[in-house]
Each structure stands twice: as structure tokens, then as C-alpha cells.
Amino acid sequence: MPHGVGNAFAFQVFNTMSYAIVLTTPMLLYFKSLEASATVLGIVAALPALMNILQIPAARFVEQIGYRAFVLRGWSLRSVFVLGMAAVPLLPAALDAATRMALMLFLLFAYNTSRGISVCGFLPWITQWIPENVRGLYISRDQMFSSVATVGTMLVTASYLRHATSRVAFGGVFAASFVAAMVSLLFLQRIPDVPPPARTGTDGRVPWK
């Protein structure tokens, strides 16, 4: 394993903690508390997978910008949207549920758009950084840390929201997601950048037609 690989594992833990809150059960529970329809809940659940398709058109720009810079910009922008999500439940009580849902849907769309674009640079970055003979070991440990973080985050948030389901409670949970996102950025910045692989003669264009 290369020096500093612990930063990548730490990033995965806090990154998972952050998106496990705003993309899964806690967010769905918030929309349920606003009496969202099944259609709205379906949109919330489908946005991450839907926006992942943005990796395809974004991939051509990764090597031009650089792996580290590309991913950092996307993750930083994504964190700003998480802060907005934390603010929505804390808006004045006079604000109706439909407006809150519209605001949160907009923020989720923006979050998943930035995530869908920037995530395409992470795996190529790590692939170039981790030596080939230990990539399997790295991926297995990476997935282990991610799974443990997911389970731990779900247990803590479930325990908390079981006893507190007020607007302030959801705001606090989403604020925790923002804090985790910012901590993940600190570790992401410590992962060294690597140059892209040498081109093999093709221009990288995809025959879309």
C-alpha cells in the first residue's frame, strides 16, 4: 500500500456517513414527515442512480482538469448543497410543506448532479495511485470501511430519530451530514494527485451516434 493510504480509507468513512444521511432513509423520513406522496418519495430514491449517468459525458474532462482537482471541486460543491439541506428544516414554521419539499428536491437534484459528474474521476485517480498488485486488497478494505460506516450511521440516526422527529431534529441530522462531508474533504485533500496515463493514440471521443 502506498504511503498515506489511511487518508483514502478515512475519506471513505466520512464520505459514506455524509451521503448515507442525505441519500437514504433519513431523507426519506423527512419527506414522509412532510406527508410527501409516493411519487415524490420515488423521485428522492431514484435521483442518485439517475444522476450517475452524468459520469458518461463528464469523463472526457477528468484528465484535462486533473483527477484531484476534478474530484475536489465536485465534492466541495456537493458539500455546499448539504449545508442548504440542513437549513431547510430550520426555516420558519410558517413555511408550508410543499415549499419545503420543493426546496429540498432542488437541493437534492443539485447535489446528485455534482456528485454524478465528479464521482467519475475518483476511481481512475485511485487506480493510478494504488499499485496493481494491492488493488484487490485496497478495494476490499475500502468496501469494508464503507459498509461499517453505513451501518453505524444508520444505527445512530435511527436511534436519534426514534425519539426526536421535529424540524430541529432533522436539521441537526442533516447538519451532521455536512460536518462529515467537510471532514471527508480534509482527508481527500491529503490524497496525492497522480498524472493521467499516457494516451494510446486515440482522441478519447465516443461514437455516440
N, C-alpha and C. Protein backbone atom coordinates (compact mmCIF):
# COMPACT_ATOMS: atom_id res chain seq x y z
N MET A 1 0.84 -1.19 0.00
CA MET A 1 0.00 0.00 0.00
C MET A 1 0.88 1.25 0.00
N PRO A 2 0.52 2.27 -0.76
CA PRO A 2 1.32 3.49 -0.79
C PRO A 2 1.19 4.27 0.52
N HIS A 3 2.17 5.12 0.77
CA HIS A 3 2.13 5.96 1.96
C HIS A 3 0.92 6.88 1.92
N GLY A 4 0.21 7.00 3.05
CA GLY A 4 -0.94 7.88 3.13
C GLY A 4 -2.26 7.23 2.74
N VAL A 5 -2.26 5.90 2.56
CA VAL A 5 -3.49 5.24 2.15
C VAL A 5 -4.57 5.36 3.22
N GLY A 6 -4.15 5.59 4.46
CA GLY A 6 -5.13 5.78 5.53
C GLY A 6 -6.03 6.98 5.28
N ASN A 7 -5.52 7.99 4.57
CA ASN A 7 -6.35 9.15 4.23
C ASN A 7 -7.50 8.75 3.31
N ALA A 8 -7.24 7.83 2.39
CA ALA A 8 -8.29 7.36 1.48
C ALA A 8 -9.36 6.58 2.25
N PHE A 9 -8.93 5.76 3.19
CA PHE A 9 -9.90 5.00 3.98
C PHE A 9 -10.71 5.93 4.88
N ALA A 10 -10.05 6.92 5.49
CA ALA A 10 -10.76 7.89 6.33
C ALA A 10 -11.75 8.70 5.51
N PHE A 11 -11.33 9.08 4.30
CA PHE A 11 -12.26 9.79 3.41
C PHE A 11 -13.49 8.94 3.14
N GLN A 12 -13.30 7.67 2.87
CA GLN A 12 -14.43 6.80 2.57
C GLN A 12 -15.39 6.70 3.75
N VAL A 13 -14.86 6.65 4.96
CA VAL A 13 -15.71 6.56 6.14
C VAL A 13 -16.59 7.80 6.27
N PHE A 14 -15.99 8.98 6.25
CA PHE A 14 -16.77 10.21 6.45
C PHE A 14 -17.63 10.54 5.24
N ASN A 15 -17.15 10.21 4.06
CA ASN A 15 -17.96 10.41 2.86
C ASN A 15 -19.21 9.54 2.91
N THR A 16 -19.05 8.30 3.33
CA THR A 16 -20.20 7.40 3.45
C THR A 16 -21.17 7.89 4.52
N MET A 17 -20.64 8.35 5.64
CA MET A 17 -21.50 8.88 6.69
C MET A 17 -22.35 10.03 6.16
N SER A 18 -21.75 10.88 5.34
CA SER A 18 -22.47 12.04 4.82
C SER A 18 -23.58 11.64 3.86
N TYR A 19 -23.24 10.85 2.83
CA TYR A 19 -24.28 10.55 1.85
C TYR A 19 -25.29 9.52 2.35
N ALA A 20 -24.91 8.73 3.36
CA ALA A 20 -25.87 7.78 3.93
C ALA A 20 -27.02 8.50 4.62
N ILE A 21 -26.79 9.74 5.02
CA ILE A 21 -27.84 10.53 5.66
C ILE A 21 -28.73 11.21 4.63
N VAL A 22 -28.12 11.88 3.66
CA VAL A 22 -28.91 12.71 2.75
C VAL A 22 -29.45 11.96 1.53
N LEU A 23 -29.01 10.73 1.32
CA LEU A 23 -29.49 9.99 0.15
C LEU A 23 -30.32 8.76 0.50
N THR A 24 -30.43 8.45 1.78
CA THR A 24 -31.15 7.22 2.12
C THR A 24 -32.26 7.49 3.14
N THR A 25 -32.39 6.61 4.10
CA THR A 25 -33.55 6.60 5.00
C THR A 25 -33.83 7.92 5.70
N PRO A 26 -32.84 8.61 6.31
CA PRO A 26 -33.16 9.86 7.00
C PRO A 26 -33.85 10.88 6.10
N MET A 27 -33.39 11.00 4.86
CA MET A 27 -34.02 11.95 3.94
C MET A 27 -35.44 11.51 3.59
N LEU A 28 -35.63 10.22 3.37
CA LEU A 28 -36.97 9.71 3.08
C LEU A 28 -37.90 9.94 4.27
N LEU A 29 -37.39 9.78 5.47
CA LEU A 29 -38.20 10.03 6.67
C LEU A 29 -38.60 11.50 6.76
N TYR A 30 -37.69 12.38 6.36
CA TYR A 30 -38.03 13.81 6.39
C TYR A 30 -39.16 14.11 5.42
N PHE A 31 -39.09 13.55 4.21
CA PHE A 31 -40.16 13.77 3.25
C PHE A 31 -41.46 13.12 3.73
N LYS A 32 -41.36 11.99 4.40
CA LYS A 32 -42.56 11.36 4.97
C LYS A 32 -43.18 12.27 6.03
N SER A 33 -42.34 12.94 6.81
CA SER A 33 -42.85 13.84 7.85
C SER A 33 -43.58 15.03 7.23
N LEU A 34 -43.25 15.34 5.97
CA LEU A 34 -43.94 16.41 5.25
C LEU A 34 -45.15 15.89 4.48
N GLU A 35 -45.46 14.61 4.66
CA GLU A 35 -46.58 13.94 4.00
C GLU A 35 -46.41 13.93 2.48
N ALA A 36 -45.20 13.62 2.04
CA ALA A 36 -44.91 13.53 0.62
C ALA A 36 -45.64 12.35 0.00
N SER A 37 -46.00 12.48 -1.26
CA SER A 37 -46.68 11.41 -1.97
C SER A 37 -45.68 10.32 -2.35
N ALA A 38 -46.21 9.17 -2.78
CA ALA A 38 -45.34 8.07 -3.21
C ALA A 38 -44.49 8.48 -4.40
N THR A 39 -45.04 9.33 -5.27
CA THR A 39 -44.28 9.79 -6.43
C THR A 39 -43.06 10.60 -6.01
N VAL A 40 -43.25 11.51 -5.07
CA VAL A 40 -42.14 12.32 -4.58
C VAL A 40 -41.08 11.45 -3.91
N LEU A 41 -41.53 10.50 -3.10
CA LEU A 41 -40.59 9.59 -2.45
C LEU A 41 -39.81 8.78 -3.49
N GLY A 42 -40.49 8.39 -4.56
CA GLY A 42 -39.82 7.65 -5.62
C GLY A 42 -38.76 8.48 -6.31
N ILE A 43 -39.06 9.76 -6.52
CA ILE A 43 -38.09 10.67 -7.14
C ILE A 43 -36.86 10.82 -6.24
N VAL A 44 -37.10 10.99 -4.95
CA VAL A 44 -35.99 11.14 -4.00
C VAL A 44 -35.10 9.90 -4.02
N ALA A 45 -35.72 8.73 -4.05
CA ALA A 45 -34.96 7.48 -4.03
C ALA A 45 -34.22 7.24 -5.34
N ALA A 46 -34.78 7.72 -6.47
CA ALA A 46 -34.21 7.43 -7.78
C ALA A 46 -33.14 8.42 -8.22
N LEU A 47 -33.10 9.62 -7.63
CA LEU A 47 -32.17 10.66 -8.10
C LEU A 47 -30.70 10.22 -8.10
N PRO A 48 -30.19 9.56 -7.05
CA PRO A 48 -28.76 9.18 -7.09
C PRO A 48 -28.41 8.31 -8.28
N ALA A 49 -29.23 7.28 -8.53
CA ALA A 49 -28.95 6.39 -9.66
C ALA A 49 -29.13 7.11 -10.99
N LEU A 50 -30.14 7.97 -11.07
CA LEU A 50 -30.42 8.67 -12.32
C LEU A 50 -29.28 9.61 -12.68
N MET A 51 -28.78 10.37 -11.71
CA MET A 51 -27.74 11.35 -11.98
C MET A 51 -26.37 10.72 -12.18
N ASN A 52 -26.21 9.45 -11.81
CA ASN A 52 -24.94 8.77 -12.04
C ASN A 52 -24.60 8.67 -13.52
N ILE A 53 -25.61 8.77 -14.37
CA ILE A 53 -25.38 8.68 -15.82
C ILE A 53 -24.55 9.87 -16.31
N LEU A 54 -24.48 10.93 -15.52
CA LEU A 54 -23.69 12.10 -15.90
C LEU A 54 -22.19 11.80 -15.94
N GLN A 55 -21.79 10.67 -15.37
CA GLN A 55 -20.39 10.28 -15.46
C GLN A 55 -19.95 10.10 -16.91
N ILE A 56 -20.88 9.67 -17.76
CA ILE A 56 -20.53 9.36 -19.15
C ILE A 56 -20.07 10.61 -19.91
N PRO A 57 -20.86 11.70 -19.93
CA PRO A 57 -20.37 12.89 -20.65
C PRO A 57 -19.25 13.61 -19.90
N ALA A 58 -19.18 13.45 -18.57
CA ALA A 58 -18.17 14.19 -17.79
C ALA A 58 -16.79 13.56 -17.87
N ALA A 59 -16.74 12.28 -18.20
CA ALA A 59 -15.47 11.54 -18.15
C ALA A 59 -14.39 12.15 -19.04
N ARG A 60 -14.78 12.76 -20.15
CA ARG A 60 -13.78 13.28 -21.09
C ARG A 60 -13.01 14.48 -20.53
N PHE A 61 -13.55 15.12 -19.47
CA PHE A 61 -12.91 16.31 -18.92
C PHE A 61 -12.00 15.99 -17.73
N VAL A 62 -12.07 14.76 -17.21
CA VAL A 62 -11.33 14.43 -15.99
C VAL A 62 -9.84 14.61 -16.18
N GLU A 63 -9.29 14.02 -17.23
CA GLU A 63 -7.84 14.08 -17.43
C GLU A 63 -7.38 15.47 -17.84
N GLN A 64 -8.26 16.25 -18.47
CA GLN A 64 -7.89 17.62 -18.83
C GLN A 64 -7.71 18.49 -17.59
N ILE A 65 -8.59 18.32 -16.62
CA ILE A 65 -8.55 19.13 -15.40
C ILE A 65 -7.58 18.54 -14.37
N GLY A 66 -7.49 17.22 -14.34
CA GLY A 66 -6.67 16.55 -13.32
C GLY A 66 -7.57 15.83 -12.34
N TYR A 67 -7.19 14.63 -11.96
CA TYR A 67 -8.03 13.81 -11.08
C TYR A 67 -8.38 14.53 -9.78
N ARG A 68 -7.36 14.97 -9.08
CA ARG A 68 -7.56 15.56 -7.76
C ARG A 68 -8.39 16.83 -7.81
N ALA A 69 -8.06 17.71 -8.74
CA ALA A 69 -8.80 18.97 -8.86
C ALA A 69 -10.25 18.72 -9.25
N PHE A 70 -10.47 17.79 -10.16
CA PHE A 70 -11.82 17.49 -10.64
C PHE A 70 -12.70 16.97 -9.51
N VAL A 71 -12.17 16.01 -8.75
CA VAL A 71 -12.97 15.42 -7.67
C VAL A 71 -13.16 16.41 -6.53
N LEU A 72 -12.13 17.15 -6.18
CA LEU A 72 -12.24 18.12 -5.09
C LEU A 72 -13.29 19.19 -5.38
N ARG A 73 -13.32 19.68 -6.60
CA ARG A 73 -14.31 20.71 -6.96
C ARG A 73 -15.72 20.16 -6.81
N GLY A 74 -15.93 18.95 -7.31
CA GLY A 74 -17.26 18.36 -7.22
C GLY A 74 -17.68 18.09 -5.80
N TRP A 75 -16.76 17.56 -5.00
CA TRP A 75 -17.10 17.24 -3.61
C TRP A 75 -17.32 18.52 -2.80
N SER A 76 -16.56 19.56 -3.08
CA SER A 76 -16.74 20.83 -2.36
C SER A 76 -18.10 21.44 -2.68
N LEU A 77 -18.47 21.44 -3.95
CA LEU A 77 -19.77 21.97 -4.35
C LEU A 77 -20.89 21.15 -3.73
N ARG A 78 -20.73 19.86 -3.73
CA ARG A 78 -21.72 18.96 -3.14
C ARG A 78 -21.94 19.28 -1.66
N SER A 79 -20.87 19.60 -0.95
CA SER A 79 -20.97 19.89 0.48
C SER A 79 -21.78 21.16 0.73
N VAL A 80 -21.68 22.13 -0.18
CA VAL A 80 -22.46 23.36 -0.04
C VAL A 80 -23.96 23.04 -0.10
N PHE A 81 -24.35 22.13 -0.98
CA PHE A 81 -25.76 21.76 -1.09
C PHE A 81 -26.23 21.03 0.16
N VAL A 82 -25.36 20.27 0.79
CA VAL A 82 -25.73 19.60 2.04
C VAL A 82 -26.02 20.63 3.13
N LEU A 83 -25.24 21.70 3.16
CA LEU A 83 -25.50 22.77 4.12
C LEU A 83 -26.88 23.37 3.88
N GLY A 84 -27.25 23.54 2.61
CA GLY A 84 -28.59 24.03 2.29
C GLY A 84 -29.67 23.08 2.77
N MET A 85 -29.43 21.78 2.65
CA MET A 85 -30.41 20.79 3.13
C MET A 85 -30.60 20.89 4.63
N ALA A 86 -29.52 21.17 5.36
CA ALA A 86 -29.62 21.32 6.81
C ALA A 86 -30.43 22.55 7.18
N ALA A 87 -30.43 23.56 6.31
CA ALA A 87 -31.14 24.80 6.60
C ALA A 87 -32.64 24.70 6.34
N VAL A 88 -33.04 23.85 5.38
CA VAL A 88 -34.46 23.78 5.00
C VAL A 88 -35.38 23.43 6.18
N PRO A 89 -35.08 22.40 6.98
CA PRO A 89 -35.98 22.10 8.10
C PRO A 89 -36.04 23.20 9.15
N LEU A 90 -35.02 24.05 9.18
CA LEU A 90 -34.95 25.09 10.21
C LEU A 90 -35.57 26.41 9.77
N LEU A 91 -36.12 26.45 8.55
CA LEU A 91 -36.79 27.65 8.08
C LEU A 91 -38.04 27.92 8.93
N PRO A 92 -38.54 29.15 8.96
CA PRO A 92 -39.69 29.50 9.81
C PRO A 92 -40.86 28.53 9.65
N ALA A 93 -41.52 28.26 10.75
CA ALA A 93 -42.62 27.29 10.77
C ALA A 93 -43.77 27.69 9.85
N ALA A 94 -43.86 28.97 9.52
CA ALA A 94 -44.94 29.44 8.65
C ALA A 94 -44.80 28.91 7.22
N LEU A 95 -43.62 28.46 6.86
CA LEU A 95 -43.39 27.95 5.51
C LEU A 95 -44.11 26.62 5.35
N ASP A 96 -44.90 26.49 4.29
CA ASP A 96 -45.71 25.29 4.13
C ASP A 96 -44.87 24.10 3.65
N ALA A 97 -45.45 22.91 3.80
CA ALA A 97 -44.73 21.67 3.49
C ALA A 97 -44.37 21.57 2.01
N ALA A 98 -45.26 22.02 1.12
CA ALA A 98 -44.99 21.93 -0.32
C ALA A 98 -43.76 22.74 -0.70
N THR A 99 -43.60 23.91 -0.11
CA THR A 99 -42.43 24.74 -0.40
C THR A 99 -41.16 24.09 0.12
N ARG A 100 -41.25 23.51 1.31
CA ARG A 100 -40.08 22.81 1.86
C ARG A 100 -39.67 21.64 0.98
N MET A 101 -40.66 20.89 0.50
CA MET A 101 -40.35 19.75 -0.37
C MET A 101 -39.72 20.23 -1.67
N ALA A 102 -40.24 21.32 -2.23
CA ALA A 102 -39.69 21.84 -3.49
C ALA A 102 -38.25 22.29 -3.30
N LEU A 103 -37.97 22.98 -2.20
CA LEU A 103 -36.60 23.42 -1.91
C LEU A 103 -35.67 22.23 -1.75
N MET A 104 -36.11 21.22 -0.99
CA MET A 104 -35.26 20.06 -0.75
C MET A 104 -35.04 19.26 -2.02
N LEU A 105 -36.07 19.14 -2.85
CA LEU A 105 -35.91 18.43 -4.12
C LEU A 105 -34.90 19.14 -5.03
N PHE A 106 -34.96 20.47 -5.04
CA PHE A 106 -34.00 21.24 -5.84
C PHE A 106 -32.57 20.99 -5.34
N LEU A 107 -32.38 21.02 -4.02
CA LEU A 107 -31.05 20.80 -3.44
C LEU A 107 -30.57 19.38 -3.70
N LEU A 108 -31.48 18.42 -3.61
CA LEU A 108 -31.11 17.02 -3.89
C LEU A 108 -30.72 16.84 -5.35
N PHE A 109 -31.45 17.51 -6.24
CA PHE A 109 -31.11 17.43 -7.66
C PHE A 109 -29.72 18.03 -7.91
N ALA A 110 -29.46 19.19 -7.31
CA ALA A 110 -28.15 19.83 -7.49
C ALA A 110 -27.04 18.98 -6.87
N TYR A 111 -27.31 18.43 -5.70
CA TYR A 111 -26.33 17.57 -5.01
C TYR A 111 -25.98 16.35 -5.88
N ASN A 112 -27.00 15.68 -6.35
CA ASN A 112 -26.77 14.46 -7.13
C ASN A 112 -26.16 14.77 -8.50
N THR A 113 -26.44 15.95 -9.04
CA THR A 113 -25.81 16.35 -10.29
C THR A 113 -24.31 16.53 -10.10
N SER A 114 -23.92 17.28 -9.07
CA SER A 114 -22.49 17.49 -8.82
C SER A 114 -21.81 16.19 -8.45
N ARG A 115 -22.50 15.35 -7.71
CA ARG A 115 -21.93 14.04 -7.34
C ARG A 115 -21.78 13.15 -8.56
N GLY A 116 -22.80 13.14 -9.41
CA GLY A 116 -22.75 12.29 -10.60
C GLY A 116 -21.64 12.68 -11.55
N ILE A 117 -21.36 13.97 -11.64
CA ILE A 117 -20.29 14.44 -12.52
C ILE A 117 -18.92 14.14 -11.94
N SER A 118 -18.72 14.47 -10.66
CA SER A 118 -17.38 14.39 -10.08
C SER A 118 -16.95 12.98 -9.70
N VAL A 119 -17.89 12.09 -9.46
CA VAL A 119 -17.51 10.75 -8.99
C VAL A 119 -16.75 9.98 -10.06
N CYS A 120 -16.90 10.36 -11.33
CA CYS A 120 -16.22 9.62 -12.40
C CYS A 120 -14.71 9.80 -12.35
N GLY A 121 -14.22 10.78 -11.59
CA GLY A 121 -12.79 10.99 -11.50
C GLY A 121 -12.13 10.24 -10.36
N PHE A 122 -12.93 9.72 -9.43
CA PHE A 122 -12.34 9.14 -8.22
C PHE A 122 -11.67 7.79 -8.49
N LEU A 123 -12.38 6.88 -9.14
CA LEU A 123 -11.83 5.55 -9.36
C LEU A 123 -10.59 5.58 -10.26
N PRO A 124 -10.58 6.35 -11.38
CA PRO A 124 -9.33 6.44 -12.16
C PRO A 124 -8.16 7.00 -11.35
N TRP A 125 -8.46 7.97 -10.49
CA TRP A 125 -7.44 8.56 -9.62
C TRP A 125 -6.83 7.49 -8.71
N ILE A 126 -7.70 6.76 -8.02
CA ILE A 126 -7.24 5.74 -7.09
C ILE A 126 -6.54 4.60 -7.84
N THR A 127 -7.05 4.26 -9.02
CA THR A 127 -6.44 3.18 -9.80
C THR A 127 -5.01 3.51 -10.19
N GLN A 128 -4.75 4.77 -10.51
CA GLN A 128 -3.39 5.18 -10.86
C GLN A 128 -2.50 5.29 -9.62
N TRP A 129 -3.09 5.54 -8.47
CA TRP A 129 -2.30 5.74 -7.24
C TRP A 129 -1.95 4.42 -6.57
N ILE A 130 -2.89 3.49 -6.51
CA ILE A 130 -2.68 2.21 -5.83
C ILE A 130 -1.98 1.23 -6.78
N PRO A 131 -0.86 0.65 -6.37
CA PRO A 131 -0.17 -0.32 -7.24
C PRO A 131 -1.08 -1.49 -7.59
N GLU A 132 -0.90 -2.01 -8.77
CA GLU A 132 -1.79 -3.06 -9.28
C GLU A 132 -1.82 -4.29 -8.39
N ASN A 133 -0.68 -4.65 -7.79
CA ASN A 133 -0.62 -5.89 -7.01
C ASN A 133 -1.36 -5.82 -5.68
N VAL A 134 -1.78 -4.61 -5.26
CA VAL A 134 -2.52 -4.49 -3.99
C VAL A 134 -3.88 -3.83 -4.18
N ARG A 135 -4.33 -3.68 -5.42
CA ARG A 135 -5.62 -3.03 -5.65
C ARG A 135 -6.78 -3.84 -5.09
N GLY A 136 -6.70 -5.15 -5.22
CA GLY A 136 -7.75 -6.00 -4.66
C GLY A 136 -7.85 -5.85 -3.15
N LEU A 137 -6.70 -5.81 -2.48
CA LEU A 137 -6.66 -5.62 -1.03
C LEU A 137 -7.23 -4.26 -0.67
N TYR A 138 -6.85 -3.23 -1.44
CA TYR A 138 -7.36 -1.88 -1.17
C TYR A 138 -8.88 -1.84 -1.31
N ILE A 139 -9.40 -2.38 -2.40
CA ILE A 139 -10.85 -2.33 -2.64
C ILE A 139 -11.61 -3.07 -1.56
N SER A 140 -11.12 -4.22 -1.13
CA SER A 140 -11.81 -4.98 -0.09
C SER A 140 -11.86 -4.20 1.22
N ARG A 141 -10.75 -3.56 1.57
CA ARG A 141 -10.74 -2.76 2.80
C ARG A 141 -11.60 -1.50 2.65
N ASP A 142 -11.54 -0.91 1.47
CA ASP A 142 -12.35 0.28 1.20
C ASP A 142 -13.84 -0.04 1.36
N GLN A 143 -14.27 -1.16 0.80
CA GLN A 143 -15.67 -1.56 0.91
C GLN A 143 -16.05 -1.91 2.34
N MET A 144 -15.10 -2.49 3.08
CA MET A 144 -15.36 -2.82 4.49
C MET A 144 -15.59 -1.54 5.29
N PHE A 145 -14.73 -0.54 5.12
CA PHE A 145 -14.88 0.71 5.83
C PHE A 145 -16.21 1.39 5.45
N SER A 146 -16.56 1.34 4.19
CA SER A 146 -17.81 1.95 3.73
C SER A 146 -19.02 1.25 4.34
N SER A 147 -18.99 -0.07 4.37
CA SER A 147 -20.11 -0.82 4.92
C SER A 147 -20.27 -0.58 6.41
N VAL A 148 -19.16 -0.57 7.13
CA VAL A 148 -19.21 -0.31 8.57
C VAL A 148 -19.75 1.09 8.85
N ALA A 149 -19.30 2.07 8.05
CA ALA A 149 -19.78 3.45 8.22
C ALA A 149 -21.27 3.55 7.94
N THR A 150 -21.74 2.83 6.92
CA THR A 150 -23.16 2.86 6.59
C THR A 150 -24.00 2.30 7.74
N VAL A 151 -23.61 1.13 8.23
CA VAL A 151 -24.36 0.50 9.33
C VAL A 151 -24.33 1.38 10.57
N GLY A 152 -23.15 1.90 10.91
CA GLY A 152 -23.04 2.75 12.09
C GLY A 152 -23.88 4.01 11.98
N THR A 153 -23.86 4.65 10.81
CA THR A 153 -24.65 5.86 10.60
C THR A 153 -26.13 5.58 10.71
N MET A 154 -26.58 4.47 10.12
CA MET A 154 -28.00 4.12 10.18
C MET A 154 -28.44 3.82 11.61
N LEU A 155 -27.61 3.13 12.38
CA LEU A 155 -27.96 2.81 13.77
C LEU A 155 -28.09 4.09 14.60
N VAL A 156 -27.14 5.00 14.43
CA VAL A 156 -27.16 6.24 15.22
C VAL A 156 -28.35 7.12 14.83
N THR A 157 -28.56 7.32 13.54
CA THR A 157 -29.67 8.17 13.10
C THR A 157 -31.02 7.55 13.43
N ALA A 158 -31.13 6.24 13.31
CA ALA A 158 -32.39 5.57 13.65
C ALA A 158 -32.70 5.73 15.13
N SER A 159 -31.68 5.58 15.96
CA SER A 159 -31.88 5.73 17.40
C SER A 159 -32.28 7.16 17.75
N TYR A 160 -31.65 8.13 17.08
CA TYR A 160 -31.95 9.53 17.36
C TYR A 160 -33.34 9.92 16.88
N LEU A 161 -33.67 9.55 15.64
CA LEU A 161 -34.95 9.94 15.07
C LEU A 161 -36.11 9.14 15.65
N ARG A 162 -35.81 8.08 16.35
CA ARG A 162 -36.88 7.32 17.01
C ARG A 162 -37.51 8.14 18.14
N HIS A 163 -36.71 9.01 18.73
CA HIS A 163 -37.19 9.80 19.88
C HIS A 163 -37.37 11.28 19.54
N ALA A 164 -36.85 11.71 18.39
CA ALA A 164 -36.95 13.13 18.03
C ALA A 164 -37.22 13.25 16.53
N THR A 165 -38.39 13.74 16.19
CA THR A 165 -38.76 13.86 14.78
C THR A 165 -39.20 15.28 14.42
N SER A 166 -38.78 16.25 15.22
CA SER A 166 -39.15 17.63 14.96
C SER A 166 -38.33 18.21 13.82
N ARG A 167 -38.67 19.41 13.38
CA ARG A 167 -37.92 20.09 12.33
C ARG A 167 -36.47 20.27 12.76
N VAL A 168 -36.27 20.63 14.02
CA VAL A 168 -34.92 20.85 14.52
C VAL A 168 -34.11 19.55 14.50
N ALA A 169 -34.77 18.43 14.80
CA ALA A 169 -34.09 17.15 14.81
C ALA A 169 -33.57 16.80 13.42
N PHE A 170 -34.40 16.97 12.40
CA PHE A 170 -33.95 16.69 11.03
C PHE A 170 -32.86 17.66 10.61
N GLY A 171 -32.98 18.93 11.01
CA GLY A 171 -31.95 19.89 10.70
C GLY A 171 -30.62 19.49 11.31
N GLY A 172 -30.67 18.96 12.54
CA GLY A 172 -29.45 18.50 13.20
C GLY A 172 -28.81 17.32 12.49
N VAL A 173 -29.65 16.39 12.03
CA VAL A 173 -29.14 15.21 11.32
C VAL A 173 -28.47 15.62 10.01
N PHE A 174 -29.11 16.51 9.26
CA PHE A 174 -28.53 16.96 8.00
C PHE A 174 -27.28 17.81 8.23
N ALA A 175 -27.25 18.54 9.35
CA ALA A 175 -26.05 19.29 9.70
C ALA A 175 -24.89 18.35 10.00
N ALA A 176 -25.20 17.21 10.63
CA ALA A 176 -24.16 16.20 10.88
C ALA A 176 -23.61 15.67 9.56
N SER A 177 -24.48 15.54 8.56
CA SER A 177 -24.03 15.11 7.23
C SER A 177 -23.07 16.14 6.64
N PHE A 178 -23.36 17.42 6.84
CA PHE A 178 -22.48 18.48 6.34
C PHE A 178 -21.12 18.42 7.02
N VAL A 179 -21.12 18.23 8.33
CA VAL A 179 -19.85 18.14 9.07
C VAL A 179 -19.03 16.96 8.57
N ALA A 180 -19.69 15.81 8.38
CA ALA A 180 -18.99 14.63 7.86
C ALA A 180 -18.43 14.89 6.46
N ALA A 181 -19.19 15.62 5.64
CA ALA A 181 -18.73 15.95 4.29
C ALA A 181 -17.48 16.83 4.34
N MET A 182 -17.46 17.80 5.25
CA MET A 182 -16.31 18.69 5.36
C MET A 182 -15.08 17.93 5.86
N VAL A 183 -15.28 17.02 6.81
CA VAL A 183 -14.16 16.22 7.31
C VAL A 183 -13.63 15.33 6.19
N SER A 184 -14.54 14.77 5.39
CA SER A 184 -14.10 13.92 4.27
C SER A 184 -13.25 14.72 3.28
N LEU A 185 -13.59 16.00 3.09
CA LEU A 185 -12.81 16.85 2.19
C LEU A 185 -11.38 17.04 2.70
N LEU A 186 -11.23 17.14 4.01
CA LEU A 186 -9.89 17.30 4.59
C LEU A 186 -9.01 16.09 4.25
N PHE A 187 -9.59 14.90 4.35
CA PHE A 187 -8.82 13.70 4.03
C PHE A 187 -8.63 13.56 2.52
N LEU A 188 -9.62 13.98 1.75
CA LEU A 188 -9.50 13.90 0.30
C LEU A 188 -8.35 14.77 -0.20
N GLN A 189 -8.16 15.92 0.41
CA GLN A 189 -7.08 16.83 0.02
C GLN A 189 -5.70 16.24 0.29
N ARG A 190 -5.62 15.30 1.23
CA ARG A 190 -4.33 14.71 1.59
C ARG A 190 -3.93 13.55 0.68
N ILE A 191 -4.85 13.10 -0.17
CA ILE A 191 -4.51 12.03 -1.12
C ILE A 191 -3.70 12.66 -2.25
N PRO A 192 -2.51 12.16 -2.53
CA PRO A 192 -1.68 12.79 -3.57
C PRO A 192 -2.28 12.64 -4.96
N ASP A 193 -2.07 13.66 -5.77
CA ASP A 193 -2.53 13.59 -7.15
C ASP A 193 -1.57 12.73 -7.96
N VAL A 194 -2.05 12.19 -9.04
CA VAL A 194 -1.22 11.38 -9.93
C VAL A 194 -1.48 11.83 -11.37
N PRO A 195 -0.49 11.73 -12.23
CA PRO A 195 -0.70 12.12 -13.64
C PRO A 195 -1.56 11.08 -14.34
N PRO A 196 -2.34 11.49 -15.32
CA PRO A 196 -3.13 10.53 -16.09
C PRO A 196 -2.23 9.62 -16.90
N PRO A 197 -2.69 8.43 -17.27
CA PRO A 197 -1.87 7.52 -18.07
C PRO A 197 -1.61 8.09 -19.46
N ALA A 198 -0.54 7.65 -20.06
CA ALA A 198 -0.20 8.11 -21.41
C ALA A 198 -1.27 7.65 -22.39
N ARG A 199 -1.59 8.52 -23.33
CA ARG A 199 -2.61 8.20 -24.32
C ARG A 199 -2.08 7.15 -25.30
N THR A 200 -2.99 6.36 -25.83
CA THR A 200 -2.61 5.26 -26.72
C THR A 200 -2.82 5.59 -28.19
N GLY A 201 -3.05 6.86 -28.50
CA GLY A 201 -3.21 7.25 -29.89
C GLY A 201 -4.62 7.65 -30.25
N THR A 202 -5.60 7.31 -29.43
CA THR A 202 -6.98 7.71 -29.69
C THR A 202 -7.23 9.07 -29.07
N ASP A 203 -8.22 9.77 -29.56
CA ASP A 203 -8.53 11.10 -29.05
C ASP A 203 -9.55 11.07 -27.92
N GLY A 204 -10.01 9.89 -27.53
CA GLY A 204 -10.93 9.76 -26.42
C GLY A 204 -12.37 10.03 -26.74
N ARG A 205 -12.66 10.30 -28.02
CA ARG A 205 -14.03 10.59 -28.38
C ARG A 205 -14.86 9.32 -28.42
N VAL A 206 -16.11 9.46 -28.03
CA VAL A 206 -17.03 8.32 -28.03
C VAL A 206 -17.97 8.44 -29.20
N PRO A 207 -18.15 7.38 -30.00
CA PRO A 207 -19.06 7.44 -31.15
C PRO A 207 -20.51 7.37 -30.71
N TRP A 208 -21.04 8.48 -30.20
CA TRP A 208 -22.38 8.49 -29.62
C TRP A 208 -23.45 8.05 -30.62
N LYS A 209 -23.35 8.46 -31.86
CA LYS A 209 -24.38 8.11 -32.83
C LYS A 209 -24.46 6.61 -33.06
